[in-house]
Amino acid sequence: LGEAKRAVTNACASVIADPFYSGVSVLTTKFVTERPAVA
């Protein structure tokens, strides 16, 4: 939009961990146990 400037891309990689993954896929233990083929 031209209204701001990016100071840092993936700032967490510089202070938490590199690589840093800002997302995750989650399956419940119940689902994995009851429907392993679908999981």
ModelCIF file with pLDDT and N, C-alpha, C, O atoms, coordinates in Angstrom:
data_MODEL
#
_entry.id   MODEL 
#
_entity.id                         1 
_entity.type                       polymer 
_entity.pdbx_number_of_molecules   1 
#
_entity_poly.entity_id                      1 
_entity_poly.type                           'polypeptide(L)' 
_entity_poly.nstd_linkage                   no 
_entity_poly.nstd_monomer                   no 
_entity_poly.pdbx_seq_one_letter_code       LGEAKRAVTNACASVIADPFYSGVSVLTTKFVTERPAVA 
_entity_poly.pdbx_seq_one_letter_code_can   LGEAKRAVTNACASVIADPFYSGVSVLTTKFVTERPAVA 
_entity_poly.pdbx_strand_id                 A 
#
loop_
_entity_poly_seq.entity_id 
_entity_poly_seq.num 
_entity_poly_seq.mon_id 
_entity_poly_seq.hetero 
1 1  LEU n 
1 2  GLY n 
1 3  GLU n 
1 4  ALA n 
1 5  LYS n 
1 6  ARG n 
1 7  ALA n 
1 8  VAL n 
1 9  THR n 
1 10 ASN n 
1 11 ALA n 
1 12 CYS n 
1 13 ALA n 
1 14 SER n 
1 15 VAL n 
1 16 ILE n 
1 17 ALA n 
1 18 ASP n 
1 19 PRO n 
1 20 PHE n 
1 21 TYR n 
1 22 SER n 
1 23 GLY n 
1 24 VAL n 
1 25 SER n 
1 26 VAL n 
1 27 LEU n 
1 28 THR n 
1 29 THR n 
1 30 LYS n 
1 31 PHE n 
1 32 VAL n 
1 33 THR n 
1 34 GLU n 
1 35 ARG n 
1 36 PRO n 
1 37 ALA n 
1 38 VAL n 
1 39 ALA n 
#
_struct_asym.id          A 
_struct_asym.entity_id   1 
#
loop_
_ma_qa_metric.id 
_ma_qa_metric.mode 
_ma_qa_metric.name 
_ma_qa_metric.software_group_id 
_ma_qa_metric.type 
1 global pLDDT . pLDDT 
2 local  pLDDT . pLDDT 
#
_ma_qa_metric_global.metric_id      1 
_ma_qa_metric_global.metric_value   87.51 
_ma_qa_metric_global.model_id       1 
_ma_qa_metric_global.ordinal_id     1 
#
loop_
_ma_qa_metric_local.label_asym_id 
_ma_qa_metric_local.label_comp_id 
_ma_qa_metric_local.label_seq_id 
_ma_qa_metric_local.metric_id 
_ma_qa_metric_local.metric_value 
_ma_qa_metric_local.model_id 
_ma_qa_metric_local.ordinal_id 
A LEU 1  2 82.00 1 1  
A GLY 2  2 85.00 1 2  
A GLU 3  2 81.00 1 3  
A ALA 4  2 85.00 1 4  
A LYS 5  2 85.00 1 5  
A ARG 6  2 83.00 1 6  
A ALA 7  2 84.00 1 7  
A VAL 8  2 83.00 1 8  
A THR 9  2 79.00 1 9  
A ASN 10 2 80.00 1 10 
A ALA 11 2 84.00 1 11 
A CYS 12 2 87.00 1 12 
A ALA 13 2 87.00 1 13 
A SER 14 2 87.00 1 14 
A VAL 15 2 89.00 1 15 
A ILE 16 2 91.00 1 16 
A ALA 17 2 91.00 1 17 
A ASP 18 2 90.00 1 18 
A PRO 19 2 90.00 1 19 
A PHE 20 2 88.00 1 20 
A TYR 21 2 83.00 1 21 
A SER 22 2 74.00 1 22 
A GLY 23 2 77.00 1 23 
A VAL 24 2 82.00 1 24 
A SER 25 2 87.00 1 25 
A VAL 26 2 89.00 1 26 
A LEU 27 2 92.00 1 27 
A THR 28 2 93.00 1 28 
A THR 29 2 91.00 1 29 
A LYS 30 2 94.00 1 30 
A PHE 31 2 94.00 1 31 
A VAL 32 2 92.00 1 32 
A THR 33 2 91.00 1 33 
A GLU 34 2 94.00 1 34 
A ARG 35 2 94.00 1 35 
A PRO 36 2 93.00 1 36 
A ALA 37 2 93.00 1 37 
A VAL 38 2 95.00 1 38 
A ALA 39 2 94.00 1 39 
#
loop_
_atom_site.group_PDB 
_atom_site.id 
_atom_site.type_symbol 
_atom_site.label_atom_id 
_atom_site.label_alt_id 
_atom_site.label_comp_id 
_atom_site.label_asym_id 
_atom_site.label_entity_id 
_atom_site.label_seq_id 
_atom_site.pdbx_PDB_ins_code 
_atom_site.Cartn_x 
_atom_site.Cartn_y 
_atom_site.Cartn_z 
_atom_site.occupancy 
_atom_site.B_iso_or_equiv 
_atom_site.pdbx_formal_charge 
_atom_site.auth_seq_id 
_atom_site.auth_comp_id 
_atom_site.auth_asym_id 
_atom_site.auth_atom_id 
_atom_site.pdbx_PDB_model_num 
ATOM 1   N N  . LEU A 1 1  ? 0.822  -1.213  0.000  1.00 82.00 ? 1  LEU A N  1 
ATOM 2   C CA . LEU A 1 1  ? 0.000  0.000   0.000  1.00 82.00 ? 1  LEU A CA 1 
ATOM 3   C C  . LEU A 1 1  ? 0.856  1.263   0.000  1.00 82.00 ? 1  LEU A C  1 
ATOM 4   O O  . LEU A 1 1  ? 0.347  2.361   -0.226 1.00 82.00 ? 1  LEU A O  1 
ATOM 5   N N  . GLY A 1 2  ? 2.157  1.109   0.254  1.00 85.00 ? 2  GLY A N  1 
ATOM 6   C CA . GLY A 1 2  ? 3.056  2.253   0.280  1.00 85.00 ? 2  GLY A CA 1 
ATOM 7   C C  . GLY A 1 2  ? 2.923  3.077   1.544  1.00 85.00 ? 2  GLY A C  1 
ATOM 8   O O  . GLY A 1 2  ? 3.403  4.209   1.604  1.00 85.00 ? 2  GLY A O  1 
ATOM 9   N N  . GLU A 1 3  ? 2.277  2.521   2.550  1.00 81.00 ? 3  GLU A N  1 
ATOM 10  C CA . GLU A 1 3  ? 2.026  3.254   3.790  1.00 81.00 ? 3  GLU A CA 1 
ATOM 11  C C  . GLU A 1 3  ? 2.979  2.866   4.917  1.00 81.00 ? 3  GLU A C  1 
ATOM 12  O O  . GLU A 1 3  ? 2.954  3.466   5.992  1.00 81.00 ? 3  GLU A O  1 
ATOM 13  N N  . ALA A 1 4  ? 3.811  1.872   4.672  1.00 85.00 ? 4  ALA A N  1 
ATOM 14  C CA . ALA A 1 4  ? 4.736  1.412   5.708  1.00 85.00 ? 4  ALA A CA 1 
ATOM 15  C C  . ALA A 1 4  ? 5.943  0.784   5.030  1.00 85.00 ? 4  ALA A C  1 
ATOM 16  O O  . ALA A 1 4  ? 5.909  0.446   3.846  1.00 85.00 ? 4  ALA A O  1 
ATOM 17  N N  . LYS A 1 5  ? 6.988  0.639   5.792  1.00 85.00 ? 5  LYS A N  1 
ATOM 18  C CA . LYS A 1 5  ? 8.191  -0.027  5.291  1.00 85.00 ? 5  LYS A CA 1 
ATOM 19  C C  . LYS A 1 5  ? 8.451  -1.260  6.137  1.00 85.00 ? 5  LYS A C  1 
ATOM 20  O O  . LYS A 1 5  ? 8.273  -1.255  7.355  1.00 85.00 ? 5  LYS A O  1 
ATOM 21  N N  . ARG A 1 6  ? 8.873  -2.305  5.464  1.00 83.00 ? 6  ARG A N  1 
ATOM 22  C CA . ARG A 1 6  ? 9.227  -3.538  6.158  1.00 83.00 ? 6  ARG A CA 1 
ATOM 23  C C  . ARG A 1 6  ? 10.591 -3.332  6.807  1.00 83.00 ? 6  ARG A C  1 
ATOM 24  O O  . ARG A 1 6  ? 11.579 -3.044  6.131  1.00 83.00 ? 6  ARG A O  1 
ATOM 25  N N  . ALA A 1 7  ? 10.628 -3.484  8.115  1.00 84.00 ? 7  ALA A N  1 
ATOM 26  C CA . ALA A 1 7  ? 11.900 -3.339  8.827  1.00 84.00 ? 7  ALA A CA 1 
ATOM 27  C C  . ALA A 1 7  ? 12.722 -4.609  8.733  1.00 84.00 ? 7  ALA A C  1 
ATOM 28  O O  . ALA A 1 7  ? 13.936 -4.557  8.542  1.00 84.00 ? 7  ALA A O  1 
ATOM 29  N N  . VAL A 1 8  ? 12.064 -5.743  8.867  1.00 83.00 ? 8  VAL A N  1 
ATOM 30  C CA . VAL A 1 8  ? 12.743 -7.031  8.874  1.00 83.00 ? 8  VAL A CA 1 
ATOM 31  C C  . VAL A 1 8  ? 11.805 -8.080  8.291  1.00 83.00 ? 8  VAL A C  1 
ATOM 32  O O  . VAL A 1 8  ? 10.606 -8.068  8.570  1.00 83.00 ? 8  VAL A O  1 
ATOM 33  N N  . THR A 1 9  ? 12.340 -8.975  7.494  1.00 79.00 ? 9  THR A N  1 
ATOM 34  C CA . THR A 1 9  ? 11.583 -10.136 7.046  1.00 79.00 ? 9  THR A CA 1 
ATOM 35  C C  . THR A 1 9  ? 11.968 -11.304 7.935  1.00 79.00 ? 9  THR A C  1 
ATOM 36  O O  . THR A 1 9  ? 13.151 -11.601 8.107  1.00 79.00 ? 9  THR A O  1 
ATOM 37  N N  . ASN A 1 10 ? 10.976 -11.959 8.494  1.00 80.00 ? 10 ASN A N  1 
ATOM 38  C CA . ASN A 1 10 ? 11.168 -13.099 9.390  1.00 80.00 ? 10 ASN A CA 1 
ATOM 39  C C  . ASN A 1 10 ? 12.073 -12.732 10.569 1.00 80.00 ? 10 ASN A C  1 
ATOM 40  O O  . ASN A 1 10 ? 13.123 -13.334 10.795 1.00 80.00 ? 10 ASN A O  1 
ATOM 41  N N  . ALA A 1 11 ? 11.623 -11.729 11.300 1.00 84.00 ? 11 ALA A N  1 
ATOM 42  C CA . ALA A 1 11 ? 12.391 -11.239 12.453 1.00 84.00 ? 11 ALA A CA 1 
ATOM 43  C C  . ALA A 1 11 ? 12.658 -12.323 13.488 1.00 84.00 ? 11 ALA A C  1 
ATOM 44  O O  . ALA A 1 11 ? 13.692 -12.309 14.154 1.00 84.00 ? 11 ALA A O  1 
ATOM 45  N N  . CYS A 1 12 ? 11.735 -13.253 13.622 1.00 87.00 ? 12 CYS A N  1 
ATOM 46  C CA . CYS A 1 12 ? 11.906 -14.307 14.631 1.00 87.00 ? 12 CYS A CA 1 
ATOM 47  C C  . CYS A 1 12 ? 13.113 -15.191 14.342 1.00 87.00 ? 12 CYS A C  1 
ATOM 48  O O  . CYS A 1 12 ? 13.691 -15.772 15.261 1.00 87.00 ? 12 CYS A O  1 
ATOM 49  N N  . ALA A 1 13 ? 13.494 -15.296 13.080 1.00 87.00 ? 13 ALA A N  1 
ATOM 50  C CA . ALA A 1 13 ? 14.665 -16.102 12.738 1.00 87.00 ? 13 ALA A CA 1 
ATOM 51  C C  . ALA A 1 13 ? 15.929 -15.518 13.346 1.00 87.00 ? 13 ALA A C  1 
ATOM 52  O O  . ALA A 1 13 ? 16.881 -16.246 13.626 1.00 87.00 ? 13 ALA A O  1 
ATOM 53  N N  . SER A 1 14 ? 15.941 -14.209 13.550 1.00 87.00 ? 14 SER A N  1 
ATOM 54  C CA . SER A 1 14 ? 17.155 -13.583 14.091 1.00 87.00 ? 14 SER A CA 1 
ATOM 55  C C  . SER A 1 14 ? 17.223 -13.636 15.613 1.00 87.00 ? 14 SER A C  1 
ATOM 56  O O  . SER A 1 14 ? 18.304 -13.469 16.177 1.00 87.00 ? 14 SER A O  1 
ATOM 57  N N  . VAL A 1 15 ? 16.092 -13.864 16.299 1.00 89.00 ? 15 VAL A N  1 
ATOM 58  C CA . VAL A 1 15 ? 16.135 -13.841 17.756 1.00 89.00 ? 15 VAL A CA 1 
ATOM 59  C C  . VAL A 1 15 ? 15.604 -15.104 18.435 1.00 89.00 ? 15 VAL A C  1 
ATOM 60  O O  . VAL A 1 15 ? 15.763 -15.270 19.645 1.00 89.00 ? 15 VAL A O  1 
ATOM 61  N N  . ILE A 1 16 ? 14.976 -15.993 17.667 1.00 91.00 ? 16 ILE A N  1 
ATOM 62  C CA . ILE A 1 16 ? 14.458 -17.226 18.275 1.00 91.00 ? 16 ILE A CA 1 
ATOM 63  C C  . ILE A 1 16 ? 15.165 -18.437 17.688 1.00 91.00 ? 16 ILE A C  1 
ATOM 64  O O  . ILE A 1 16 ? 15.840 -19.171 18.410 1.00 91.00 ? 16 ILE A O  1 
ATOM 65  N N  . ALA A 1 17 ? 15.020 -18.649 16.401 1.00 91.00 ? 17 ALA A N  1 
ATOM 66  C CA . ALA A 1 17 ? 15.657 -19.803 15.760 1.00 91.00 ? 17 ALA A CA 1 
ATOM 67  C C  . ALA A 1 17 ? 15.677 -19.579 14.258 1.00 91.00 ? 17 ALA A C  1 
ATOM 68  O O  . ALA A 1 17 ? 14.761 -18.982 13.692 1.00 91.00 ? 17 ALA A O  1 
ATOM 69  N N  . ASP A 1 18 ? 16.720 -20.059 13.630 1.00 90.00 ? 18 ASP A N  1 
ATOM 70  C CA . ASP A 1 18 ? 16.822 -20.000 12.181 1.00 90.00 ? 18 ASP A CA 1 
ATOM 71  C C  . ASP A 1 18 ? 17.186 -21.401 11.697 1.00 90.00 ? 18 ASP A C  1 
ATOM 72  O O  . ASP A 1 18 ? 18.288 -21.875 11.975 1.00 90.00 ? 18 ASP A O  1 
ATOM 73  N N  . PRO A 1 19 ? 16.312 -22.053 10.999 1.00 90.00 ? 19 PRO A N  1 
ATOM 74  C CA . PRO A 1 19 ? 15.091 -21.533 10.396 1.00 90.00 ? 19 PRO A CA 1 
ATOM 75  C C  . PRO A 1 19 ? 13.997 -21.304 11.438 1.00 90.00 ? 19 PRO A C  1 
ATOM 76  O O  . PRO A 1 19 ? 13.989 -21.933 12.496 1.00 90.00 ? 19 PRO A O  1 
ATOM 77  N N  . PHE A 1 20 ? 13.080 -20.399 11.123 1.00 88.00 ? 20 PHE A N  1 
ATOM 78  C CA . PHE A 1 20 ? 11.909 -20.150 11.959 1.00 88.00 ? 20 PHE A CA 1 
ATOM 79  C C  . PHE A 1 20 ? 10.673 -20.396 11.116 1.00 88.00 ? 20 PHE A C  1 
ATOM 80  O O  . PHE A 1 20 ? 10.514 -19.818 10.041 1.00 88.00 ? 20 PHE A O  1 
ATOM 81  N N  . TYR A 1 21 ? 9.807  -21.252 11.610 1.00 83.00 ? 21 TYR A N  1 
ATOM 82  C CA . TYR A 1 21 ? 8.569  -21.574 10.913 1.00 83.00 ? 21 TYR A CA 1 
ATOM 83  C C  . TYR A 1 21 ? 7.415  -20.901 11.646 1.00 83.00 ? 21 TYR A C  1 
ATOM 84  O O  . TYR A 1 21 ? 7.172  -21.179 12.821 1.00 83.00 ? 21 TYR A O  1 
ATOM 85  N N  . SER A 1 22 ? 6.713  -20.026 10.956 1.00 74.00 ? 22 SER A N  1 
ATOM 86  C CA . SER A 1 22 ? 5.641  -19.289 11.615 1.00 74.00 ? 22 SER A CA 1 
ATOM 87  C C  . SER A 1 22 ? 4.304  -20.008 11.531 1.00 74.00 ? 22 SER A C  1 
ATOM 88  O O  . SER A 1 22 ? 3.274  -19.448 11.908 1.00 74.00 ? 22 SER A O  1 
ATOM 89  N N  . GLY A 1 23 ? 4.308  -21.211 11.054 1.00 77.00 ? 23 GLY A N  1 
ATOM 90  C CA . GLY A 1 23 ? 3.080  -21.981 10.979 1.00 77.00 ? 23 GLY A CA 1 
ATOM 91  C C  . GLY A 1 23 ? 3.350  -23.437 11.256 1.00 77.00 ? 23 GLY A C  1 
ATOM 92  O O  . GLY A 1 23 ? 4.492  -23.896 11.240 1.00 77.00 ? 23 GLY A O  1 
ATOM 93  N N  . VAL A 1 24 ? 2.277  -24.152 11.511 1.00 82.00 ? 24 VAL A N  1 
ATOM 94  C CA . VAL A 1 24 ? 2.405  -25.564 11.809 1.00 82.00 ? 24 VAL A CA 1 
ATOM 95  C C  . VAL A 1 24 ? 1.090  -26.243 11.447 1.00 82.00 ? 24 VAL A C  1 
ATOM 96  O O  . VAL A 1 24 ? 0.025  -25.631 11.531 1.00 82.00 ? 24 VAL A O  1 
ATOM 97  N N  . SER A 1 25 ? 1.164  -27.480 11.054 1.00 87.00 ? 25 SER A N  1 
ATOM 98  C CA . SER A 1 25 ? -0.049 -28.276 10.822 1.00 87.00 ? 25 SER A CA 1 
ATOM 99  C C  . SER A 1 25 ? -0.255 -29.147 12.055 1.00 87.00 ? 25 SER A C  1 
ATOM 100 O O  . SER A 1 25 ? 0.692  -29.737 12.576 1.00 87.00 ? 25 SER A O  1 
ATOM 101 N N  . VAL A 1 26 ? -1.493 -29.221 12.512 1.00 89.00 ? 26 VAL A N  1 
ATOM 102 C CA . VAL A 1 26 ? -1.786 -29.940 13.745 1.00 89.00 ? 26 VAL A CA 1 
ATOM 103 C C  . VAL A 1 26 ? -2.850 -31.000 13.500 1.00 89.00 ? 26 VAL A C  1 
ATOM 104 O O  . VAL A 1 26 ? -3.887 -30.727 12.896 1.00 89.00 ? 26 VAL A O  1 
ATOM 105 N N  . LEU A 1 27 ? -2.585 -32.191 13.968 1.00 92.00 ? 27 LEU A N  1 
ATOM 106 C CA . LEU A 1 27 ? -3.551 -33.288 13.972 1.00 92.00 ? 27 LEU A CA 1 
ATOM 107 C C  . LEU A 1 27 ? -3.694 -33.726 15.424 1.00 92.00 ? 27 LEU A C  1 
ATOM 108 O O  . LEU A 1 27 ? -2.696 -33.831 16.138 1.00 92.00 ? 27 LEU A O  1 
ATOM 109 N N  . THR A 1 28 ? -4.909 -33.981 15.865 1.00 93.00 ? 28 THR A N  1 
ATOM 110 C CA . THR A 1 28 ? -5.087 -34.437 17.243 1.00 93.00 ? 28 THR A CA 1 
ATOM 111 C C  . THR A 1 28 ? -4.600 -35.870 17.393 1.00 93.00 ? 28 THR A C  1 
ATOM 112 O O  . THR A 1 28 ? -4.616 -36.652 16.443 1.00 93.00 ? 28 THR A O  1 
ATOM 113 N N  . THR A 1 29 ? -4.171 -36.195 18.596 1.00 91.00 ? 29 THR A N  1 
ATOM 114 C CA . THR A 1 29 ? -3.745 -37.565 18.893 1.00 91.00 ? 29 THR A CA 1 
ATOM 115 C C  . THR A 1 29 ? -4.892 -38.530 18.638 1.00 91.00 ? 29 THR A C  1 
ATOM 116 O O  . THR A 1 29 ? -4.683 -39.623 18.112 1.00 91.00 ? 29 THR A O  1 
ATOM 117 N N  . LYS A 1 30 ? -6.108 -38.125 19.012 1.00 94.00 ? 30 LYS A N  1 
ATOM 118 C CA . LYS A 1 30 ? -7.283 -38.962 18.790 1.00 94.00 ? 30 LYS A CA 1 
ATOM 119 C C  . LYS A 1 30 ? -7.457 -39.270 17.305 1.00 94.00 ? 30 LYS A C  1 
ATOM 120 O O  . LYS A 1 30 ? -7.696 -40.418 16.929 1.00 94.00 ? 30 LYS A O  1 
ATOM 121 N N  . PHE A 1 31 ? -7.337 -38.246 16.468 1.00 94.00 ? 31 PHE A N  1 
ATOM 122 C CA . PHE A 1 31 ? -7.493 -38.431 15.030 1.00 94.00 ? 31 PHE A CA 1 
ATOM 123 C C  . PHE A 1 31 ? -6.423 -39.365 14.478 1.00 94.00 ? 31 PHE A C  1 
ATOM 124 O O  . PHE A 1 31 ? -6.731 -40.280 13.714 1.00 94.00 ? 31 PHE A O  1 
ATOM 125 N N  . VAL A 1 32 ? -5.177 -39.139 14.857 1.00 92.00 ? 32 VAL A N  1 
ATOM 126 C CA . VAL A 1 32 ? -4.068 -39.972 14.379 1.00 92.00 ? 32 VAL A CA 1 
ATOM 127 C C  . VAL A 1 32 ? -4.261 -41.419 14.819 1.00 92.00 ? 32 VAL A C  1 
ATOM 128 O O  . VAL A 1 32 ? -3.977 -42.343 14.056 1.00 92.00 ? 32 VAL A O  1 
ATOM 129 N N  . THR A 1 33 ? -4.738 -41.619 16.037 1.00 91.00 ? 33 THR A N  1 
ATOM 130 C CA . THR A 1 33 ? -4.942 -42.966 16.571 1.00 91.00 ? 33 THR A CA 1 
ATOM 131 C C  . THR A 1 33 ? -6.123 -43.667 15.912 1.00 91.00 ? 33 THR A C  1 
ATOM 132 O O  . THR A 1 33 ? -6.037 -44.840 15.548 1.00 91.00 ? 33 THR A O  1 
ATOM 133 N N  . GLU A 1 34 ? -7.229 -42.937 15.760 1.00 94.00 ? 34 GLU A N  1 
ATOM 134 C CA . GLU A 1 34 ? -8.449 -43.554 15.240 1.00 94.00 ? 34 GLU A CA 1 
ATOM 135 C C  . GLU A 1 34 ? -8.490 -43.644 13.721 1.00 94.00 ? 34 GLU A C  1 
ATOM 136 O O  . GLU A 1 34 ? -9.162 -44.519 13.174 1.00 94.00 ? 34 GLU A O  1 
ATOM 137 N N  . ARG A 1 35 ? -7.786 -42.760 13.037 1.00 94.00 ? 35 ARG A N  1 
ATOM 138 C CA . ARG A 1 35 ? -7.852 -42.722 11.571 1.00 94.00 ? 35 ARG A CA 1 
ATOM 139 C C  . ARG A 1 35 ? -6.462 -42.544 10.965 1.00 94.00 ? 35 ARG A C  1 
ATOM 140 O O  . ARG A 1 35 ? -6.232 -41.578 10.238 1.00 94.00 ? 35 ARG A O  1 
ATOM 141 N N  . PRO A 1 36 ? -5.538 -43.447 11.249 1.00 93.00 ? 36 PRO A N  1 
ATOM 142 C CA . PRO A 1 36 ? -4.163 -43.274 10.785 1.00 93.00 ? 36 PRO A CA 1 
ATOM 143 C C  . PRO A 1 36 ? -4.028 -43.202 9.262  1.00 93.00 ? 36 PRO A C  1 
ATOM 144 O O  . PRO A 1 36 ? -3.167 -42.478 8.761  1.00 93.00 ? 36 PRO A O  1 
ATOM 145 N N  . ALA A 1 37 ? -4.842 -43.921 8.532  1.00 93.00 ? 37 ALA A N  1 
ATOM 146 C CA . ALA A 1 37 ? -4.733 -43.885 7.063  1.00 93.00 ? 37 ALA A CA 1 
ATOM 147 C C  . ALA A 1 37 ? -5.119 -42.500 6.529  1.00 93.00 ? 37 ALA A C  1 
ATOM 148 O O  . ALA A 1 37 ? -4.468 -41.982 5.622  1.00 93.00 ? 37 ALA A O  1 
ATOM 149 N N  . VAL A 1 38 ? -6.157 -41.911 7.080  1.00 95.00 ? 38 VAL A N  1 
ATOM 150 C CA . VAL A 1 38 ? -6.569 -40.570 6.661  1.00 95.00 ? 38 VAL A CA 1 
ATOM 151 C C  . VAL A 1 38 ? -5.516 -39.552 7.103  1.00 95.00 ? 38 VAL A C  1 
ATOM 152 O O  . VAL A 1 38 ? -5.173 -38.646 6.344  1.00 95.00 ? 38 VAL A O  1 
ATOM 153 N N  . ALA A 1 39 ? -5.009 -39.696 8.317  1.00 94.00 ? 39 ALA A N  1 
ATOM 154 C CA . ALA A 1 39 ? -3.961 -38.798 8.808  1.00 94.00 ? 39 ALA A CA 1 
ATOM 155 C C  . ALA A 1 39 ? -2.743 -38.855 7.882  1.00 94.00 ? 39 ALA A C  1 
ATOM 156 O O  . ALA A 1 39 ? -1.750 -38.168 8.125  1.00 94.00 ? 39 ALA A O  1 
#
